[in-house]
Every structure is written in structure tokens, then in C-alpha cells.
Amino acid sequence: MLSRRHERVRALLLRAVGEIIRREIAFHENGLVTVNDIGLAGDLHSATVFVSILGPSAAQQKSLALLRQSSPRIQQLLGREVILKYTPRLRFQLDDSIARGNRVLTILEEIERTGPAE
């Protein structure tokens, strides 16, 4: 069970990182980037930022590379916005949970259309 402080810091970082990405990084043709979740280490020294990127696979990879390249800048801006003893080291990871959820919904709709197997 995570502590209340841990959850509050995670929520604060989620909001701040999303705002920094929206404000500071131009993704013109690289797709739309959304911060879905943040996995925060127990000691608050590192964080995995789970992002979903709307667009084709090539655009997703390009945007993810841009995020990883911009990670030090994002971390610096995060340190200015969020006052913590340590600014967590950020690591960006593509989150495909929305695509998996859509796949499950498609399968359920297909089963519903075909009816029960007898």
C-alpha cells in the first residue's frame, strides 16, 4: 500500500509533467502525446512516465525519441515547478493500455454479434 504522500506527489508530478510537455515540446506531425500515469519509486528519486501517443507507429516512435531526448529539460522545468527535496529522474515509456482496451472491446463486440456458441 502506497502512502498518502507518495500518491499526492505522484498526482502532482502527473499534472506538472503533462503541462510541461504540452507547453514546451512541439510535436507538430509526430502525433498527440498524453501522459497517462507515472510510476514513482518508493524513495521518490526516479519516475517512469507512461505516455500514449496518437498516430501511426512511426510517429509514435519519433515522439517517444523526442521525449527521451528532452528528458533533462523536462526534469529541469519540473524541478522549478514542483518543490521537492529531490527532483525525480524521468524515464519515458510508451503506454499501450488504450490500444489493448480497444482490442478487448472489439473482441467483445465481435462475440456479441456472432452470438453464443452452441
N, C-alpha and C. Protein backbone atom coordinates (compact mmCIF):
# COMPACT_ATOMS: atom_id res chain seq x y z
N MET A 1 0.84 -1.17 0.00
CA MET A 1 0.00 0.00 0.00
C MET A 1 0.88 1.24 0.00
N LEU A 2 0.60 2.14 -0.92
CA LEU A 2 1.39 3.35 -1.02
C LEU A 2 0.92 4.38 0.00
N SER A 3 1.85 5.18 0.47
CA SER A 3 1.50 6.18 1.45
C SER A 3 0.72 7.32 0.80
N ARG A 4 0.05 8.05 1.62
CA ARG A 4 -0.73 9.19 1.13
C ARG A 4 0.19 10.22 0.47
N ARG A 5 1.34 10.45 1.06
CA ARG A 5 2.31 11.41 0.49
C ARG A 5 2.77 10.95 -0.88
N HIS A 6 3.07 9.68 -1.00
CA HIS A 6 3.53 9.11 -2.27
C HIS A 6 2.47 9.34 -3.35
N GLU A 7 1.22 9.09 -3.04
CA GLU A 7 0.13 9.28 -4.00
C GLU A 7 -0.04 10.75 -4.36
N ARG A 8 0.09 11.63 -3.40
CA ARG A 8 -0.05 13.06 -3.67
C ARG A 8 1.09 13.57 -4.56
N VAL A 9 2.31 13.12 -4.28
CA VAL A 9 3.45 13.51 -5.11
C VAL A 9 3.28 12.96 -6.52
N ARG A 10 2.81 11.72 -6.65
CA ARG A 10 2.59 11.11 -7.97
C ARG A 10 1.57 11.91 -8.77
N ALA A 11 0.47 12.29 -8.13
CA ALA A 11 -0.57 13.07 -8.80
C ALA A 11 -0.04 14.45 -9.20
N LEU A 12 0.74 15.06 -8.34
CA LEU A 12 1.33 16.36 -8.63
C LEU A 12 2.28 16.28 -9.82
N LEU A 13 3.12 15.25 -9.84
CA LEU A 13 4.05 15.07 -10.94
C LEU A 13 3.32 14.78 -12.24
N LEU A 14 2.26 13.99 -12.18
CA LEU A 14 1.46 13.67 -13.37
C LEU A 14 0.94 14.94 -14.02
N ARG A 15 0.37 15.80 -13.22
CA ARG A 15 -0.19 17.06 -13.71
C ARG A 15 0.92 17.97 -14.25
N ALA A 16 2.01 18.10 -13.50
CA ALA A 16 3.10 19.00 -13.88
C ALA A 16 3.82 18.54 -15.15
N VAL A 17 4.12 17.26 -15.25
CA VAL A 17 4.82 16.75 -16.43
C VAL A 17 3.94 16.90 -17.67
N GLY A 18 2.67 16.60 -17.55
CA GLY A 18 1.74 16.77 -18.67
C GLY A 18 1.70 18.21 -19.15
N GLU A 19 1.66 19.14 -18.21
CA GLU A 19 1.62 20.56 -18.57
C GLU A 19 2.93 21.00 -19.21
N ILE A 20 4.05 20.55 -18.69
CA ILE A 20 5.35 20.91 -19.25
C ILE A 20 5.47 20.39 -20.68
N ILE A 21 5.08 19.15 -20.91
CA ILE A 21 5.15 18.57 -22.26
C ILE A 21 4.26 19.36 -23.21
N ARG A 22 3.05 19.68 -22.77
CA ARG A 22 2.12 20.43 -23.62
C ARG A 22 2.68 21.80 -23.97
N ARG A 23 3.31 22.43 -23.01
CA ARG A 23 3.76 23.81 -23.17
C ARG A 23 5.11 23.93 -23.88
N GLU A 24 6.02 23.00 -23.63
CA GLU A 24 7.41 23.18 -24.05
C GLU A 24 7.85 22.40 -25.28
N ILE A 25 7.17 21.32 -25.60
CA ILE A 25 7.66 20.47 -26.68
C ILE A 25 6.68 20.51 -27.85
N ALA A 26 7.22 20.78 -29.04
CA ALA A 26 6.40 20.84 -30.25
C ALA A 26 6.44 19.49 -30.94
N PHE A 27 5.27 18.88 -31.07
CA PHE A 27 5.17 17.56 -31.69
C PHE A 27 4.52 17.65 -33.07
N HIS A 28 4.58 18.77 -33.73
CA HIS A 28 3.90 19.08 -34.99
C HIS A 28 3.27 17.87 -35.67
N GLU A 29 4.05 17.12 -36.44
CA GLU A 29 3.48 15.99 -37.18
C GLU A 29 3.72 14.66 -36.48
N ASN A 30 4.22 14.71 -35.27
CA ASN A 30 4.59 13.48 -34.58
C ASN A 30 3.48 12.86 -33.75
N GLY A 31 2.27 13.37 -33.81
CA GLY A 31 1.18 12.78 -33.06
C GLY A 31 0.88 13.55 -31.78
N LEU A 32 -0.22 13.18 -31.16
CA LEU A 32 -0.68 13.82 -29.93
C LEU A 32 -0.19 13.01 -28.74
N VAL A 33 0.46 13.66 -27.80
CA VAL A 33 1.05 12.98 -26.64
C VAL A 33 0.21 13.25 -25.41
N THR A 34 -0.12 12.18 -24.68
CA THR A 34 -0.87 12.27 -23.44
C THR A 34 -0.13 11.52 -22.35
N VAL A 35 0.02 12.15 -21.19
CA VAL A 35 0.63 11.48 -20.04
C VAL A 35 -0.48 10.72 -19.31
N ASN A 36 -0.38 9.39 -19.31
CA ASN A 36 -1.42 8.55 -18.71
C ASN A 36 -1.19 8.29 -17.23
N ASP A 37 0.06 8.03 -16.87
CA ASP A 37 0.34 7.65 -15.49
C ASP A 37 1.81 7.88 -15.20
N ILE A 38 2.14 7.88 -13.94
CA ILE A 38 3.54 7.97 -13.51
C ILE A 38 3.77 6.89 -12.47
N GLY A 39 4.79 6.09 -12.72
CA GLY A 39 5.23 5.10 -11.76
C GLY A 39 6.37 5.70 -10.96
N LEU A 40 6.12 5.96 -9.70
CA LEU A 40 7.09 6.67 -8.87
C LEU A 40 7.77 5.68 -7.92
N ALA A 41 9.08 5.74 -7.87
CA ALA A 41 9.84 4.86 -6.97
C ALA A 41 9.53 5.22 -5.53
N GLY A 42 9.68 4.26 -4.65
CA GLY A 42 9.38 4.46 -3.23
C GLY A 42 10.19 5.57 -2.59
N ASP A 43 11.44 5.76 -3.06
CA ASP A 43 12.29 6.82 -2.50
C ASP A 43 12.12 8.16 -3.21
N LEU A 44 11.23 8.22 -4.20
CA LEU A 44 10.90 9.43 -4.96
C LEU A 44 12.06 9.96 -5.79
N HIS A 45 13.09 9.14 -6.03
CA HIS A 45 14.26 9.58 -6.80
C HIS A 45 14.11 9.34 -8.30
N SER A 46 13.21 8.45 -8.69
CA SER A 46 13.02 8.18 -10.11
C SER A 46 11.55 7.94 -10.41
N ALA A 47 11.18 8.24 -11.66
CA ALA A 47 9.79 8.10 -12.07
C ALA A 47 9.74 7.64 -13.52
N THR A 48 8.84 6.71 -13.78
CA THR A 48 8.58 6.28 -15.15
C THR A 48 7.30 6.96 -15.59
N VAL A 49 7.39 7.71 -16.68
CA VAL A 49 6.25 8.45 -17.21
C VAL A 49 5.66 7.63 -18.35
N PHE A 50 4.43 7.18 -18.17
CA PHE A 50 3.75 6.38 -19.18
C PHE A 50 2.95 7.32 -20.07
N VAL A 51 3.29 7.34 -21.36
CA VAL A 51 2.63 8.23 -22.31
C VAL A 51 1.96 7.42 -23.40
N SER A 52 0.84 7.94 -23.88
CA SER A 52 0.23 7.37 -25.08
C SER A 52 0.35 8.42 -26.17
N ILE A 53 0.61 7.95 -27.37
CA ILE A 53 0.84 8.84 -28.50
C ILE A 53 -0.12 8.44 -29.60
N LEU A 54 -0.96 9.37 -29.98
CA LEU A 54 -1.94 9.13 -31.02
C LEU A 54 -1.28 9.35 -32.37
N GLY A 55 -1.37 8.35 -33.24
CA GLY A 55 -0.78 8.47 -34.56
C GLY A 55 -0.20 7.14 -35.00
N PRO A 56 0.35 7.11 -36.21
CA PRO A 56 0.95 5.87 -36.71
C PRO A 56 2.19 5.48 -35.91
N SER A 57 2.59 4.24 -36.06
CA SER A 57 3.70 3.69 -35.27
C SER A 57 4.98 4.49 -35.45
N ALA A 58 5.27 4.92 -36.67
CA ALA A 58 6.49 5.70 -36.92
C ALA A 58 6.45 7.02 -36.16
N ALA A 59 5.29 7.66 -36.15
CA ALA A 59 5.14 8.93 -35.43
C ALA A 59 5.26 8.70 -33.93
N GLN A 60 4.75 7.58 -33.45
CA GLN A 60 4.86 7.26 -32.02
C GLN A 60 6.31 7.11 -31.61
N GLN A 61 7.07 6.38 -32.41
CA GLN A 61 8.48 6.16 -32.10
C GLN A 61 9.26 7.48 -32.16
N LYS A 62 8.93 8.32 -33.13
CA LYS A 62 9.59 9.61 -33.27
C LYS A 62 9.29 10.51 -32.07
N SER A 63 8.04 10.53 -31.64
CA SER A 63 7.65 11.33 -30.48
C SER A 63 8.30 10.81 -29.20
N LEU A 64 8.35 9.49 -29.05
CA LEU A 64 8.97 8.90 -27.87
C LEU A 64 10.46 9.25 -27.83
N ALA A 65 11.12 9.20 -28.98
CA ALA A 65 12.53 9.57 -29.05
C ALA A 65 12.72 11.05 -28.68
N LEU A 66 11.81 11.90 -29.14
CA LEU A 66 11.88 13.32 -28.81
C LEU A 66 11.69 13.54 -27.30
N LEU A 67 10.76 12.80 -26.70
CA LEU A 67 10.56 12.90 -25.25
C LEU A 67 11.80 12.46 -24.49
N ARG A 68 12.37 11.36 -24.91
CA ARG A 68 13.57 10.85 -24.22
C ARG A 68 14.73 11.82 -24.38
N GLN A 69 14.85 12.43 -25.55
CA GLN A 69 15.91 13.41 -25.79
C GLN A 69 15.68 14.66 -24.93
N SER A 70 14.42 15.04 -24.74
CA SER A 70 14.08 16.24 -23.99
C SER A 70 13.96 15.99 -22.49
N SER A 71 14.21 14.78 -22.06
CA SER A 71 14.03 14.41 -20.66
C SER A 71 14.80 15.31 -19.68
N PRO A 72 16.08 15.64 -19.94
CA PRO A 72 16.77 16.53 -18.99
C PRO A 72 16.11 17.91 -18.88
N ARG A 73 15.66 18.45 -20.00
CA ARG A 73 14.99 19.76 -19.99
C ARG A 73 13.67 19.68 -19.22
N ILE A 74 12.89 18.61 -19.46
CA ILE A 74 11.62 18.43 -18.77
C ILE A 74 11.87 18.30 -17.26
N GLN A 75 12.90 17.54 -16.91
CA GLN A 75 13.23 17.34 -15.50
C GLN A 75 13.66 18.66 -14.86
N GLN A 76 14.41 19.48 -15.58
CA GLN A 76 14.83 20.79 -15.06
C GLN A 76 13.61 21.68 -14.82
N LEU A 77 12.70 21.73 -15.77
CA LEU A 77 11.49 22.55 -15.61
C LEU A 77 10.61 22.01 -14.49
N LEU A 78 10.56 20.69 -14.36
CA LEU A 78 9.80 20.07 -13.29
C LEU A 78 10.36 20.48 -11.93
N GLY A 79 11.68 20.53 -11.83
CA GLY A 79 12.33 20.93 -10.58
C GLY A 79 12.00 22.36 -10.19
N ARG A 80 11.76 23.22 -11.18
CA ARG A 80 11.39 24.60 -10.89
C ARG A 80 9.92 24.72 -10.47
N GLU A 81 9.08 23.87 -11.04
CA GLU A 81 7.63 23.96 -10.77
C GLU A 81 7.21 23.24 -9.50
N VAL A 82 7.82 22.10 -9.25
CA VAL A 82 7.44 21.27 -8.10
C VAL A 82 8.60 21.28 -7.11
N ILE A 83 8.33 21.76 -5.93
CA ILE A 83 9.37 21.86 -4.91
C ILE A 83 9.40 20.57 -4.08
N LEU A 84 10.43 19.78 -4.34
CA LEU A 84 10.67 18.54 -3.60
C LEU A 84 12.13 18.51 -3.18
N LYS A 85 12.46 17.68 -2.24
CA LYS A 85 13.85 17.56 -1.82
C LYS A 85 14.71 17.08 -2.99
N TYR A 86 14.18 16.10 -3.74
CA TYR A 86 14.85 15.59 -4.93
C TYR A 86 13.87 15.64 -6.09
N THR A 87 14.33 16.11 -7.23
CA THR A 87 13.50 16.04 -8.43
C THR A 87 13.71 14.65 -9.02
N PRO A 88 12.64 13.91 -9.21
CA PRO A 88 12.79 12.54 -9.72
C PRO A 88 13.42 12.52 -11.11
N ARG A 89 14.24 11.52 -11.35
CA ARG A 89 14.81 11.29 -12.67
C ARG A 89 13.73 10.66 -13.53
N LEU A 90 13.44 11.27 -14.67
CA LEU A 90 12.32 10.84 -15.51
C LEU A 90 12.77 9.85 -16.58
N ARG A 91 11.94 8.84 -16.79
CA ARG A 91 12.14 7.87 -17.86
C ARG A 91 10.80 7.73 -18.56
N PHE A 92 10.79 7.88 -19.88
CA PHE A 92 9.55 7.83 -20.64
C PHE A 92 9.35 6.46 -21.25
N GLN A 93 8.11 5.98 -21.17
CA GLN A 93 7.77 4.66 -21.71
C GLN A 93 6.41 4.76 -22.40
N LEU A 94 6.31 4.11 -23.54
CA LEU A 94 5.06 4.11 -24.30
C LEU A 94 4.04 3.22 -23.59
N ASP A 95 2.86 3.75 -23.37
CA ASP A 95 1.78 3.03 -22.69
C ASP A 95 0.75 2.61 -23.74
N ASP A 96 0.61 1.33 -23.92
CA ASP A 96 -0.32 0.83 -24.94
C ASP A 96 -1.62 0.32 -24.33
N SER A 97 -1.93 0.73 -23.12
CA SER A 97 -3.13 0.23 -22.44
C SER A 97 -4.41 0.63 -23.17
N ILE A 98 -4.44 1.79 -23.79
CA ILE A 98 -5.63 2.22 -24.52
C ILE A 98 -5.84 1.32 -25.74
N ALA A 99 -4.76 1.01 -26.45
CA ALA A 99 -4.86 0.13 -27.62
C ALA A 99 -5.31 -1.27 -27.19
N ARG A 100 -4.78 -1.77 -26.08
CA ARG A 100 -5.19 -3.09 -25.59
C ARG A 100 -6.65 -3.08 -25.17
N GLY A 101 -7.10 -2.00 -24.53
CA GLY A 101 -8.50 -1.87 -24.14
C GLY A 101 -9.42 -1.84 -25.35
N ASN A 102 -9.01 -1.12 -26.39
CA ASN A 102 -9.79 -1.08 -27.63
C ASN A 102 -9.86 -2.46 -28.27
N ARG A 103 -8.79 -3.21 -28.21
CA ARG A 103 -8.76 -4.56 -28.78
C ARG A 103 -9.74 -5.46 -28.02
N VAL A 104 -9.77 -5.37 -26.71
CA VAL A 104 -10.70 -6.16 -25.91
C VAL A 104 -12.14 -5.80 -26.25
N LEU A 105 -12.43 -4.50 -26.39
CA LEU A 105 -13.78 -4.07 -26.76
C LEU A 105 -14.18 -4.60 -28.13
N THR A 106 -13.25 -4.59 -29.07
CA THR A 106 -13.52 -5.12 -30.41
C THR A 106 -13.85 -6.61 -30.34
N ILE A 107 -13.10 -7.35 -29.56
CA ILE A 107 -13.36 -8.79 -29.41
C ILE A 107 -14.72 -9.02 -28.78
N LEU A 108 -15.04 -8.25 -27.74
CA LEU A 108 -16.35 -8.41 -27.09
C LEU A 108 -17.50 -8.08 -28.05
N GLU A 109 -17.34 -7.04 -28.86
CA GLU A 109 -18.37 -6.71 -29.84
C GLU A 109 -18.54 -7.81 -30.88
N GLU A 110 -17.42 -8.39 -31.28
CA GLU A 110 -17.47 -9.49 -32.26
C GLU A 110 -18.18 -10.70 -31.68
N ILE A 111 -17.90 -11.01 -30.44
CA ILE A 111 -18.58 -12.14 -29.78
C ILE A 111 -20.07 -11.86 -29.66
N GLU A 112 -20.41 -10.64 -29.32
CA GLU A 112 -21.82 -10.27 -29.17
C GLU A 112 -22.56 -10.38 -30.50
N ARG A 113 -21.90 -9.99 -31.59
CA ARG A 113 -22.52 -10.04 -32.91
C ARG A 113 -22.77 -11.48 -33.38
N THR A 114 -21.80 -12.34 -33.15
CA THR A 114 -21.92 -13.71 -33.62
C THR A 114 -22.84 -14.55 -32.74
N GLY A 115 -23.10 -14.09 -31.54
CA GLY A 115 -23.99 -14.83 -30.65
C GLY A 115 -23.24 -15.91 -29.90
N PRO A 116 -23.93 -16.55 -28.96
CA PRO A 116 -23.27 -17.57 -28.15
C PRO A 116 -22.99 -18.83 -28.98
N ALA A 117 -21.87 -19.45 -28.72
CA ALA A 117 -21.51 -20.69 -29.40
C ALA A 117 -22.25 -21.84 -28.76
N GLU A 118 -22.80 -22.71 -29.58
CA GLU A 118 -23.55 -23.85 -29.02
C GLU A 118 -22.95 -25.15 -29.40
